Amino acid sequence: MRCFVLPFALVLAALGHGELGLPAPSSESDNVPPPGFVALFNGKDLTGWEGLVGNPVSRAKMSAEELARAQELANRKMHEHWRVEDGILIFDGKGDNLCTVKVYGDFELLVDWKILRHGDSGIYLRGCPQVQIWDAEDHSEGSGGLFNNQRHPNKPSKRADNPVGQWNRMRILMIGERVNVWLNGELVVDNVVMENYWERDKPVYSTGPIELQSHGSMLFFKNIFIREIPRTESKQFE
């Protein structure tokens, strides 16, 4: 299978998205998806999310009964450390990743995030780490890079972070094994192969959950929207 290598402006045009960024919603419209997207976070509770159980490799080795028991424990832990206040998804800095119950293949993802000083987090795509989020004063390259890549680029092309304590908007497009990332309207990752962190000798998984990474710091998320891209729409780029 060949991955698309077209300039991304052409990809956007073909997918019906001619603009490089979507306007950040106002507080009055928080957690209301734009046309074509669905909300992963409803602004009220953790519906559609579950706690992290192991990783894709360890989960695949579990029996259905083992996985169910582990998921029950993970969900209990999730509710101890992830909560919703005033339409904002808040992590207290302890516990594990928050995962979507549903798995996704090709998609366009929007997410607003905010961190505190020395904050560190990331967005796992199809269960693989990660699109990096961290304090740009600690890491001068800024957020948005595919941090765990070893053979392909793992840093953003520019620093586009807003100051710590302010909201940032991330837009991620994943088709096949290739990823594009905008941060605050700036394209910082352009058509880069995302590597499989869990099994380095294999390509990234074709489907998997979206995860919000816990990394020992308090985190804030809202406006988490996704648009699934049908196979018939994305296969033209292979």
Protein backbone atom coordinates (compact mmCIF):
# COMPACT_ATOMS: atom_id res chain seq x y z
CA MET A 1 0.00 0.00 0.00
CA ARG A 2 1.33 3.43 -0.96
CA CYS A 3 0.69 6.43 1.28
CA PHE A 4 -0.38 9.75 -0.19
CA VAL A 5 2.34 12.30 -0.80
CA LEU A 6 0.36 15.12 -2.35
CA PRO A 7 0.89 18.65 -1.00
CA PHE A 8 -1.51 19.03 1.83
CA ALA A 9 -3.30 22.02 0.33
CA LEU A 10 -4.50 19.63 -2.39
CA VAL A 11 -5.54 17.10 0.20
CA LEU A 12 -7.68 19.71 1.95
CA ALA A 13 -9.28 20.78 -1.28
CA ALA A 14 -10.12 17.18 -2.16
CA LEU A 15 -11.62 16.58 1.27
CA GLY A 16 -13.72 19.71 1.02
CA HIS A 17 -11.73 21.81 3.50
CA GLY A 18 -10.11 24.73 1.75
CA GLU A 19 -9.20 26.70 4.87
CA LEU A 20 -6.15 25.90 6.97
CA GLY A 21 -7.93 26.49 10.27
CA LEU A 22 -11.35 26.56 11.83
CA PRO A 23 -12.29 29.49 14.05
CA ALA A 24 -12.18 28.80 17.76
CA PRO A 25 -15.72 28.69 19.11
CA SER A 26 -16.91 31.19 21.65
CA SER A 27 -17.65 30.11 25.19
CA GLU A 28 -21.34 30.17 24.31
CA SER A 29 -20.81 27.46 21.70
CA ASP A 30 -18.25 25.34 23.55
CA ASN A 31 -18.57 21.60 22.96
CA VAL A 32 -21.00 22.12 20.07
CA PRO A 33 -19.47 20.46 17.00
CA PRO A 34 -19.02 22.35 13.74
CA PRO A 35 -20.76 20.99 10.63
CA GLY A 36 -19.53 17.55 9.64
CA PHE A 37 -18.04 16.76 13.07
CA VAL A 38 -19.37 14.97 16.15
CA ALA A 39 -18.46 15.79 19.75
CA LEU A 40 -16.27 13.27 21.57
CA PHE A 41 -16.80 15.26 24.78
CA ASN A 42 -20.34 16.42 25.55
CA GLY A 43 -19.29 19.06 28.09
CA LYS A 44 -21.30 17.39 30.86
CA ASP A 45 -19.81 14.01 31.76
CA LEU A 46 -17.46 11.23 30.60
CA THR A 47 -19.93 9.51 28.29
CA GLY A 48 -18.01 7.85 25.42
CA TRP A 49 -14.76 7.64 27.39
CA GLU A 50 -13.12 4.89 29.40
CA GLY A 51 -10.00 4.31 31.44
CA LEU A 52 -6.77 3.00 29.96
CA VAL A 53 -6.09 -0.74 30.05
CA GLY A 54 -2.49 -1.61 29.20
CA ASN A 55 -1.56 -0.99 25.56
CA PRO A 56 -2.68 -2.45 22.21
CA VAL A 57 -0.27 -5.38 22.50
CA SER A 58 -1.15 -6.34 26.07
CA ARG A 59 -4.88 -5.87 25.48
CA ALA A 60 -4.78 -8.22 22.49
CA LYS A 61 -3.41 -10.98 24.73
CA MET A 62 -6.25 -10.71 27.24
CA SER A 63 -9.29 -12.95 27.23
CA ALA A 64 -12.68 -11.26 27.07
CA GLU A 65 -13.15 -11.91 30.78
CA GLU A 66 -9.72 -10.52 31.69
CA LEU A 67 -10.29 -7.42 29.59
CA ALA A 68 -13.70 -6.80 31.13
CA ARG A 69 -12.32 -7.03 34.67
CA ALA A 70 -9.37 -4.77 33.83
CA GLN A 71 -11.68 -2.26 32.15
CA GLU A 72 -13.93 -2.10 35.20
CA LEU A 73 -10.94 -1.26 37.41
CA ALA A 74 -9.63 1.29 34.89
CA ASN A 75 -13.00 3.02 34.71
CA ARG A 76 -13.15 3.25 38.48
CA LYS A 77 -9.72 4.88 38.50
CA MET A 78 -10.73 7.18 35.63
CA HIS A 79 -13.56 8.70 37.66
CA GLU A 80 -11.16 9.40 40.53
CA HIS A 81 -8.91 11.64 38.42
CA TRP A 82 -10.89 12.95 35.41
CA ARG A 83 -13.88 15.22 36.01
CA VAL A 84 -16.04 17.79 34.22
CA GLU A 85 -16.54 21.33 35.52
CA ASP A 86 -18.27 24.18 33.67
CA GLY A 87 -17.94 22.41 30.31
CA ILE A 88 -14.25 21.65 30.77
CA LEU A 89 -12.67 18.21 31.03
CA ILE A 90 -10.12 18.36 33.87
CA PHE A 91 -7.36 15.91 34.84
CA ASP A 92 -5.93 16.23 38.34
CA GLY A 93 -2.41 15.08 37.43
CA LYS A 94 -2.76 11.53 38.72
CA GLY A 95 -4.04 8.33 37.16
CA ASP A 96 -3.92 7.09 33.57
CA ASN A 97 -4.88 8.14 30.05
CA LEU A 98 -8.47 8.81 29.07
CA CYS A 99 -9.54 6.77 26.02
CA THR A 100 -12.47 6.87 23.63
CA VAL A 101 -14.65 3.79 23.80
CA LYS A 102 -14.97 3.88 20.02
CA VAL A 103 -12.01 3.19 17.74
CA TYR A 104 -11.20 5.26 14.65
CA GLY A 105 -9.43 4.79 11.33
CA ASP A 106 -8.93 7.87 9.16
CA PHE A 107 -10.16 11.07 10.76
CA GLU A 108 -9.91 14.80 11.33
CA LEU A 109 -9.73 15.74 15.00
CA LEU A 110 -10.16 19.10 16.73
CA VAL A 111 -9.26 19.62 20.38
CA ASP A 112 -8.75 22.64 22.60
CA TRP A 113 -6.26 22.18 25.44
CA LYS A 114 -4.67 24.17 28.22
CA ILE A 115 -1.79 23.34 30.54
CA LEU A 116 -0.12 24.89 33.55
CA ARG A 117 3.58 25.69 34.03
CA HIS A 118 5.77 22.65 33.22
CA GLY A 119 2.69 20.82 31.91
CA ASP A 120 3.13 17.73 29.76
CA SER A 121 0.56 15.70 27.82
CA GLY A 122 -0.24 14.43 24.35
CA ILE A 123 -2.86 13.03 22.00
CA TYR A 124 -2.58 9.32 21.17
CA LEU A 125 -3.76 8.47 17.67
CA ARG A 126 -5.22 4.97 17.18
CA GLY A 127 -3.80 4.10 20.58
CA CYS A 128 -0.24 5.12 19.65
CA PRO A 129 1.79 7.96 21.21
CA GLN A 130 1.67 10.78 20.37
CA VAL A 131 1.07 14.30 19.20
CA GLN A 132 3.06 16.15 21.86
CA ILE A 133 1.66 18.78 24.24
CA TRP A 134 3.98 20.51 26.71
CA ASP A 135 5.23 23.79 28.12
CA ALA A 136 7.09 25.54 25.29
CA GLU A 137 9.21 27.40 27.80
CA ASP A 138 10.64 24.04 28.83
CA HIS A 139 10.83 22.69 25.26
CA SER A 140 11.68 25.44 22.81
CA GLU A 141 10.43 23.58 19.72
CA GLY A 142 6.89 23.78 21.05
CA SER A 143 3.98 21.36 20.89
CA GLY A 144 2.49 19.37 18.03
CA GLY A 145 5.37 17.09 17.03
CA LEU A 146 5.15 13.29 16.71
CA PHE A 147 7.38 12.87 19.75
CA ASN A 148 7.94 9.10 19.61
CA ASN A 149 9.06 8.92 15.98
CA GLN A 150 12.58 7.59 15.53
CA ARG A 151 12.98 7.29 11.75
CA HIS A 152 10.67 10.10 10.65
CA PRO A 153 10.49 13.72 11.86
CA ASN A 154 9.41 14.03 15.49
CA LYS A 155 9.50 17.80 16.05
CA PRO A 156 7.12 20.51 14.87
CA SER A 157 8.31 22.76 12.06
CA LYS A 158 7.64 25.87 14.13
CA ARG A 159 6.63 26.93 17.62
CA ALA A 160 2.99 27.96 17.66
CA ASP A 161 1.99 27.53 21.31
CA ASN A 162 0.02 30.16 23.17
CA PRO A 163 1.41 31.09 26.59
CA VAL A 164 0.88 28.62 29.42
CA GLY A 165 -2.55 29.09 30.98
CA GLN A 166 -4.18 30.08 27.68
CA TRP A 167 -6.24 27.81 25.45
CA ASN A 168 -4.67 26.24 22.37
CA ARG A 169 -6.49 24.66 19.45
CA MET A 170 -5.04 21.58 17.79
CA ARG A 171 -6.26 20.19 14.50
CA ILE A 172 -5.07 16.74 13.46
CA LEU A 173 -5.67 14.91 10.19
CA MET A 174 -4.69 11.25 9.98
CA ILE A 175 -5.03 9.28 6.76
CA GLY A 176 -3.34 5.91 6.57
CA GLU A 177 -0.11 6.21 8.52
CA ARG A 178 0.43 9.89 7.73
CA VAL A 179 -0.40 12.77 10.04
CA ASN A 180 -0.82 16.52 9.68
CA VAL A 181 -1.08 18.81 12.69
CA TRP A 182 -2.07 22.46 13.01
CA LEU A 183 -1.54 24.31 16.25
CA ASN A 184 -3.42 27.60 16.60
CA GLY A 185 -3.87 27.73 12.83
CA GLU A 186 -0.20 27.04 12.00
CA LEU A 187 0.73 23.86 10.11
CA VAL A 188 3.44 22.34 12.32
CA VAL A 189 3.48 18.72 11.07
CA ASP A 190 3.12 18.24 7.34
CA ASN A 191 2.31 14.76 5.99
CA VAL A 192 4.62 12.85 8.34
CA VAL A 193 4.51 9.08 8.85
CA MET A 194 3.55 8.19 12.41
CA GLU A 195 5.51 5.21 13.68
CA ASN A 196 4.18 2.36 15.78
CA TYR A 197 5.64 2.92 19.23
CA TRP A 198 4.43 -0.42 20.56
CA GLU A 199 5.69 -2.57 17.70
CA ARG A 200 8.50 -0.78 15.89
CA ASP A 201 8.66 -3.37 13.11
CA LYS A 202 5.04 -2.76 12.11
CA PRO A 203 3.16 0.24 10.69
CA VAL A 204 0.84 2.19 12.95
CA TYR A 205 -2.43 0.37 13.58
CA SER A 206 -5.23 0.87 11.05
CA THR A 207 -7.76 1.59 13.81
CA GLY A 208 -7.64 2.44 17.50
CA PRO A 209 -8.90 4.82 20.17
CA ILE A 210 -8.12 8.48 20.66
CA GLU A 211 -6.38 9.00 24.01
CA LEU A 212 -5.68 12.03 26.16
CA GLN A 213 -2.35 11.36 27.82
CA SER A 214 -1.78 11.69 31.53
CA HIS A 215 1.77 12.69 32.36
CA GLY A 216 1.72 13.85 35.95
CA SER A 217 0.40 17.37 35.43
CA MET A 218 -2.99 19.05 35.60
CA LEU A 219 -4.72 19.29 32.21
CA PHE A 220 -7.76 20.99 30.70
CA PHE A 221 -9.63 20.02 27.51
CA LYS A 222 -12.79 21.10 25.70
CA ASN A 223 -14.23 21.24 22.16
CA ILE A 224 -13.09 17.72 21.24
CA PHE A 225 -14.62 17.00 17.86
CA ILE A 226 -13.97 14.33 15.25
CA ARG A 227 -14.88 13.79 11.62
CA GLU A 228 -14.42 10.25 10.38
CA ILE A 229 -13.09 10.07 6.84
CA PRO A 230 -14.63 7.23 4.84
CA ARG A 231 -12.34 4.80 3.07
CA THR A 232 -13.83 5.80 -0.25
CA GLU A 233 -12.77 9.40 0.42
CA SER A 234 -9.21 8.70 1.56
CA LYS A 235 -8.12 5.87 -0.76
CA GLN A 236 -7.41 8.33 -3.59
CA PHE A 237 -4.25 9.39 -1.73
CA GLU A 238 -2.71 5.89 -1.57
